[in-house]
Amino acid sequence: MNPRKRLRSLMQEPDRIIQTVGAHNALGAKLVEQHGFDAVWASGFEISTAHAKPDANILTMVEFLEAARQMTDATHLPIIADCDTGFGNVNNVIRMVRDYEKAGIAAVCIEDKVFPKMNSFIPGFQTLAPKDEFSAKIRAAKDTQRDPDFVVIARVESLIAGHGMEESLERAAAYEEAGADLILIHSKQKDPGEIFEFSRRWNSDTPLVIVPTTYPSITLTEMIEHNVKMVIYANQALRAAVKAMNQVLAQLKESGSLLAIQDQLSPMDQLFELQGLKDMIKQEEQYRRQEVR
């Protein structure tokens, strides 16, 4: 089953949470697959951070797309691409869907803020786009896609921007009507109460997506009970990697010896495996044998 059909199939499974993990390159995507997760989130935050740039539409669509494309090459999992606000207006969204679909991406997610956007957890910079304007982007995305299994996720930022529950529900309903396949309801509260209220009042069959970065106590059982279909662990792998690299580099600088950090390093064989080096050598040996014949 190709990744798009796989994602569509997972969306239809009752009482199943699609566990999705953020990555910024092929290596991260491959590790997500090896640990048995369902999908990869081509995270705008992670990709920006990997370039040492702010998560504020500083990078271009081409840079985001290339990172996502490399992930599709490295894994069989569906790649769900974080596309911020769609990189501009309706015409930018049309180009985005065409290019991401051609690259084999399973889904794109766009959010209802103005372009350029700022990371959702930076206070004072969260400006929402007009509801009708964003609905037009969703319609344009759905009209542009060619593969019926391609998924378009509408990300509602009303709670993040402090506009309240009523507007969040109103916007989500408008985006559903425009054709969104999934609704991502985003919150920055320290507990999932706001998400639970939204789900109780969301009188629709369109599935919900959450990103529990600030409310990590939520469980898979609670998600199922509140009609959540997908959870995105958006940036934890990158944050863990940065912490580990800082610790190793600090120890190395202090000690001046590789022996001080040896037990914190992955073995070279593991990296060769991730590279696909052993498969490459097998292929070379196979074709050499054929040449001898």
Protein backbone atom coordinates (compact mmCIF):
# COMPACT_ATOMS: atom_id res chain seq x y z
CA MET A 1 0.00 0.00 0.00
CA ASN A 2 1.46 3.37 -0.99
CA PRO A 3 1.88 6.00 1.75
CA ARG A 4 -1.19 8.05 0.75
CA LYS A 5 -3.48 5.03 0.71
CA ARG A 6 -1.93 3.94 4.00
CA LEU A 7 -2.75 7.29 5.60
CA ARG A 8 -6.32 7.17 4.27
CA SER A 9 -6.67 3.64 5.62
CA LEU A 10 -5.44 4.70 9.07
CA MET A 11 -7.95 7.55 9.08
CA GLN A 12 -10.75 5.00 8.67
CA GLU A 13 -9.67 2.69 11.49
CA PRO A 14 -11.92 3.10 14.56
CA ASP A 15 -10.30 3.77 17.94
CA ARG A 16 -6.91 4.19 16.30
CA ILE A 17 -4.67 7.20 16.95
CA ILE A 18 -2.30 7.99 14.10
CA GLN A 19 0.96 8.63 15.95
CA THR A 20 3.06 11.08 13.96
CA VAL A 21 6.56 12.29 14.88
CA GLY A 22 8.39 15.38 13.70
CA ALA A 23 11.57 15.22 11.63
CA HIS A 24 13.66 17.61 9.57
CA ASN A 25 15.61 15.27 7.31
CA ALA A 26 15.82 11.75 5.91
CA LEU A 27 17.71 10.39 8.93
CA GLY A 28 15.05 11.58 11.35
CA ALA A 29 12.28 10.11 9.19
CA LYS A 30 14.07 6.77 9.04
CA LEU A 31 14.41 6.64 12.83
CA VAL A 32 10.70 7.45 13.22
CA GLU A 33 9.91 4.49 10.95
CA GLN A 34 12.27 2.14 12.80
CA HIS A 35 10.45 2.83 16.07
CA GLY A 36 7.08 1.85 14.68
CA PHE A 37 5.28 5.17 14.39
CA ASP A 38 2.56 5.68 11.78
CA ALA A 39 3.69 8.81 9.95
CA VAL A 40 6.33 11.55 9.79
CA TRP A 41 5.62 15.24 10.37
CA ALA A 42 7.93 17.27 8.11
CA SER A 43 8.08 19.94 10.77
CA GLY A 44 8.49 23.57 9.76
CA PHE A 45 9.97 24.28 13.18
CA GLU A 46 12.50 21.43 12.89
CA ILE A 47 13.47 22.25 9.30
CA SER A 48 13.93 25.93 10.19
CA THR A 49 15.94 25.07 13.30
CA ALA A 50 18.15 22.69 11.33
CA HIS A 51 18.98 25.66 9.07
CA ALA A 52 19.59 27.81 12.19
CA LYS A 53 16.77 30.11 11.05
CA PRO A 54 13.66 31.33 12.91
CA ASP A 55 10.36 29.51 12.41
CA ALA A 56 8.86 32.60 10.78
CA ASN A 57 8.63 31.94 7.01
CA ILE A 58 12.29 32.81 6.56
CA LEU A 59 12.94 29.66 4.54
CA THR A 60 11.25 29.28 1.16
CA MET A 61 8.79 26.64 -0.03
CA VAL A 62 11.58 25.06 -2.09
CA GLU A 63 13.66 24.46 1.04
CA PHE A 64 10.74 22.96 2.94
CA LEU A 65 9.76 20.81 -0.04
CA GLU A 66 13.28 19.47 -0.53
CA ALA A 67 13.46 18.38 3.11
CA ALA A 68 10.09 16.63 2.82
CA ARG A 69 11.07 14.99 -0.47
CA GLN A 70 14.20 13.53 1.11
CA MET A 71 12.00 12.04 3.83
CA THR A 72 9.81 10.31 1.23
CA ASP A 73 12.95 8.76 -0.28
CA ALA A 74 14.13 7.43 3.08
CA THR A 75 10.96 5.82 4.43
CA HIS A 76 7.76 4.02 3.47
CA LEU A 77 5.77 6.02 6.00
CA PRO A 78 3.32 8.77 4.96
CA ILE A 79 4.97 12.19 5.09
CA ILE A 80 2.70 14.93 6.43
CA ALA A 81 4.21 18.28 5.47
CA ASP A 82 3.92 21.36 7.65
CA CYS A 83 3.39 24.10 5.06
CA ASP A 84 2.79 27.03 7.44
CA THR A 85 0.24 29.38 5.82
CA GLY A 86 0.62 27.88 2.34
CA PHE A 87 3.58 30.16 1.50
CA GLY A 88 1.38 33.07 0.41
CA ASN A 89 -2.02 33.49 -1.20
CA VAL A 90 -4.32 31.15 -3.11
CA ASN A 91 -1.96 30.97 -6.09
CA ASN A 92 0.93 29.98 -3.83
CA VAL A 93 -1.23 27.23 -2.34
CA ILE A 94 -2.07 25.93 -5.83
CA ARG A 95 1.62 25.68 -6.68
CA MET A 96 2.36 24.14 -3.29
CA VAL A 97 -0.18 21.33 -3.71
CA ARG A 98 1.02 20.54 -7.24
CA ASP A 99 4.66 20.35 -6.19
CA TYR A 100 4.12 18.46 -2.94
CA GLU A 101 1.83 15.95 -4.61
CA LYS A 102 4.39 15.33 -7.38
CA ALA A 103 7.04 14.75 -4.71
CA GLY A 104 5.04 11.91 -3.17
CA ILE A 105 3.98 13.71 0.00
CA ALA A 106 0.89 12.11 1.59
CA ALA A 107 -0.58 15.23 3.22
CA VAL A 108 -0.09 18.95 3.67
CA CYS A 109 -1.13 21.10 6.61
CA ILE A 110 -1.74 24.84 6.38
CA GLU A 111 -2.66 27.23 9.19
CA ASP A 112 -5.03 30.20 9.27
CA LYS A 113 -2.56 32.95 10.11
CA VAL A 114 -1.30 35.78 7.93
CA PHE A 115 1.86 35.39 5.85
CA PRO A 116 4.57 35.65 7.06
CA LYS A 117 3.66 33.69 10.19
CA MET A 118 5.45 33.44 13.52
CA ASN A 119 5.90 30.27 15.57
CA SER A 120 2.72 29.67 17.56
CA PHE A 121 4.44 29.82 20.95
CA ILE A 122 5.83 33.33 20.52
CA PRO A 123 3.37 35.72 22.23
CA GLY A 124 2.28 38.96 20.59
CA PHE A 125 2.80 37.93 16.95
CA GLN A 126 -0.26 35.73 16.27
CA THR A 127 -2.42 37.42 13.63
CA LEU A 128 -5.19 35.37 12.06
CA ALA A 129 -6.10 35.57 8.39
CA PRO A 130 -9.76 36.34 7.56
CA LYS A 131 -11.85 33.18 7.74
CA ASP A 132 -13.12 33.48 4.16
CA GLU A 133 -9.62 34.08 2.83
CA PHE A 134 -8.30 30.92 4.47
CA SER A 135 -11.33 28.91 3.39
CA ALA A 136 -10.48 29.88 -0.18
CA LYS A 137 -7.00 28.40 0.32
CA ILE A 138 -8.52 25.10 1.45
CA ARG A 139 -10.86 25.03 -1.56
CA ALA A 140 -7.96 25.81 -3.89
CA ALA A 141 -5.88 23.01 -2.35
CA LYS A 142 -8.67 20.44 -2.74
CA ASP A 143 -9.48 21.55 -6.29
CA THR A 144 -5.81 21.32 -7.27
CA GLN A 145 -4.98 17.84 -5.97
CA ARG A 146 -5.09 15.00 -8.51
CA ASP A 147 -4.77 11.97 -6.24
CA PRO A 148 -8.02 11.47 -4.26
CA ASP A 149 -5.97 10.01 -1.39
CA PHE A 150 -3.96 13.23 -0.95
CA VAL A 151 -4.92 14.77 2.43
CA VAL A 152 -5.34 18.47 3.24
CA ILE A 153 -5.27 19.44 6.93
CA ALA A 154 -6.63 22.81 8.10
CA ARG A 155 -4.89 24.08 11.22
CA VAL A 156 -7.01 26.35 13.45
CA GLU A 157 -4.94 28.89 15.40
CA SER A 158 -7.76 30.80 17.13
CA LEU A 159 -6.98 29.41 20.58
CA ILE A 160 -3.30 30.18 20.11
CA ALA A 161 -4.14 33.77 19.14
CA GLY A 162 -6.52 34.19 22.11
CA HIS A 163 -9.71 34.48 20.03
CA GLY A 164 -11.61 31.95 22.09
CA MET A 165 -13.61 28.78 21.67
CA GLU A 166 -16.56 30.14 19.70
CA GLU A 167 -14.40 31.52 16.90
CA SER A 168 -12.33 28.33 16.86
CA LEU A 169 -15.45 26.22 16.29
CA GLU A 170 -16.78 28.67 13.70
CA ARG A 171 -13.53 28.65 11.76
CA ALA A 172 -13.20 24.86 11.92
CA ALA A 173 -16.73 24.48 10.54
CA ALA A 174 -15.92 26.85 7.67
CA TYR A 175 -12.75 24.95 6.80
CA GLU A 176 -14.61 21.65 6.93
CA GLU A 177 -17.18 23.07 4.51
CA ALA A 178 -14.34 24.20 2.24
CA GLY A 179 -13.19 20.56 2.01
CA ALA A 180 -10.54 20.01 4.70
CA ASP A 181 -9.94 16.31 5.36
CA LEU A 182 -8.76 16.85 8.94
CA ILE A 183 -8.98 19.74 11.43
CA LEU A 184 -5.91 20.46 13.54
CA ILE A 185 -6.96 22.33 16.66
CA HIS A 186 -3.94 23.95 18.28
CA SER A 187 -3.58 25.00 21.92
CA LYS A 188 -0.78 26.34 24.10
CA GLN A 189 -2.42 25.60 27.46
CA LYS A 190 -0.57 23.51 30.04
CA ASP A 191 -3.36 20.92 30.21
CA PRO A 192 -5.66 19.44 27.57
CA GLY A 193 -8.88 20.93 28.97
CA GLU A 194 -9.25 23.39 26.09
CA ILE A 195 -8.82 20.58 23.55
CA PHE A 196 -11.37 18.42 25.37
CA GLU A 197 -13.92 21.24 25.32
CA PHE A 198 -13.41 21.76 21.60
CA SER A 199 -13.83 18.06 20.88
CA ARG A 200 -17.03 17.86 22.96
CA ARG A 201 -18.51 20.74 20.98
CA TRP A 202 -17.21 19.65 17.58
CA ASN A 203 -20.39 18.22 16.12
CA SER A 204 -18.85 16.72 13.00
CA ASP A 205 -17.43 13.53 11.54
CA THR A 206 -14.32 15.34 10.26
CA PRO A 207 -11.46 13.95 12.39
CA LEU A 208 -9.36 16.06 14.74
CA VAL A 209 -5.58 16.41 14.98
CA ILE A 210 -3.72 17.69 18.06
CA VAL A 211 -0.15 18.78 18.86
CA PRO A 212 0.35 18.27 22.63
CA THR A 213 3.65 20.15 22.92
CA THR A 214 2.52 22.17 25.96
CA TYR A 215 0.17 19.58 27.51
CA PRO A 216 2.32 16.41 27.54
CA SER A 217 0.21 14.63 30.17
CA ILE A 218 -2.51 13.67 27.67
CA THR A 219 -2.78 9.92 27.02
CA LEU A 220 -3.76 7.92 23.96
CA THR A 221 -6.83 6.68 25.83
CA GLU A 222 -7.96 10.26 26.47
CA MET A 223 -7.42 11.10 22.81
CA ILE A 224 -9.65 8.22 21.73
CA GLU A 225 -12.30 9.26 24.25
CA HIS A 226 -12.29 12.79 22.79
CA ASN A 227 -12.49 11.81 19.11
CA VAL A 228 -8.91 12.71 18.25
CA LYS A 229 -7.67 10.80 15.18
CA MET A 230 -4.06 12.01 14.92
CA VAL A 231 -1.44 13.18 17.40
CA ILE A 232 1.69 15.00 16.24
CA TYR A 233 4.78 14.84 18.47
CA ALA A 234 6.12 17.80 16.58
CA ASN A 235 9.64 18.56 17.80
CA GLN A 236 10.64 16.30 20.68
CA ALA A 237 13.23 14.27 18.74
CA LEU A 238 15.10 17.41 17.65
CA ARG A 239 15.01 18.89 21.14
CA ALA A 240 16.36 15.64 22.58
CA ALA A 241 19.12 15.58 19.96
CA VAL A 242 20.19 19.18 20.68
CA LYS A 243 20.34 18.44 24.42
CA ALA A 244 22.44 15.31 23.83
CA MET A 245 24.82 17.10 21.44
CA ASN A 246 25.30 19.96 23.90
CA GLN A 247 26.13 17.54 26.71
CA VAL A 248 28.63 15.58 24.59
CA LEU A 249 30.33 18.70 23.23
CA ALA A 250 30.61 20.22 26.71
CA GLN A 251 32.21 17.03 28.07
CA LEU A 252 34.56 16.79 25.12
CA LYS A 253 35.69 20.39 25.51
CA GLU A 254 36.22 19.99 29.24
CA SER A 255 38.06 16.66 29.06
CA GLY A 256 39.92 17.02 25.77
CA SER A 257 39.54 13.26 25.30
CA LEU A 258 37.16 11.14 23.22
CA LEU A 259 37.30 8.50 25.96
CA ALA A 260 35.16 10.76 28.18
CA ILE A 261 32.21 10.58 25.77
CA GLN A 262 32.68 7.14 24.24
CA ASP A 263 29.75 5.53 26.05
CA GLN A 264 27.37 8.23 24.76
CA LEU A 265 28.06 7.58 21.08
CA SER A 266 26.08 5.39 18.71
CA PRO A 267 28.26 2.64 17.21
CA MET A 268 29.46 3.22 13.68
CA ASP A 269 27.70 0.02 12.55
CA GLN A 270 24.35 1.58 13.46
CA LEU A 271 25.10 4.60 11.29
CA PHE A 272 26.23 2.38 8.41
CA GLU A 273 22.89 0.58 8.71
CA LEU A 274 20.97 3.87 8.62
CA GLN A 275 22.96 4.94 5.57
CA GLY A 276 22.07 1.76 3.73
CA LEU A 277 25.77 1.02 3.28
CA LYS A 278 25.44 -2.73 3.73
CA ASP A 279 22.72 -2.89 1.07
CA MET A 280 24.93 -0.89 -1.27
CA ILE A 281 27.82 -3.33 -0.81
CA LYS A 282 25.51 -6.31 -1.43
CA GLN A 283 24.30 -4.74 -4.68
CA GLU A 284 27.85 -4.11 -5.85
CA GLU A 285 28.81 -7.73 -5.12
CA GLN A 286 25.72 -9.00 -6.94
CA TYR A 287 26.49 -7.10 -10.15
CA ARG A 288 30.18 -7.97 -9.99
CA ARG A 289 29.23 -11.67 -9.96
CA GLN A 290 27.06 -11.10 -13.01
CA GLU A 291 29.99 -9.43 -14.83
CA VAL A 292 32.22 -12.46 -14.14
CA ARG A 293 29.68 -14.76 -15.81
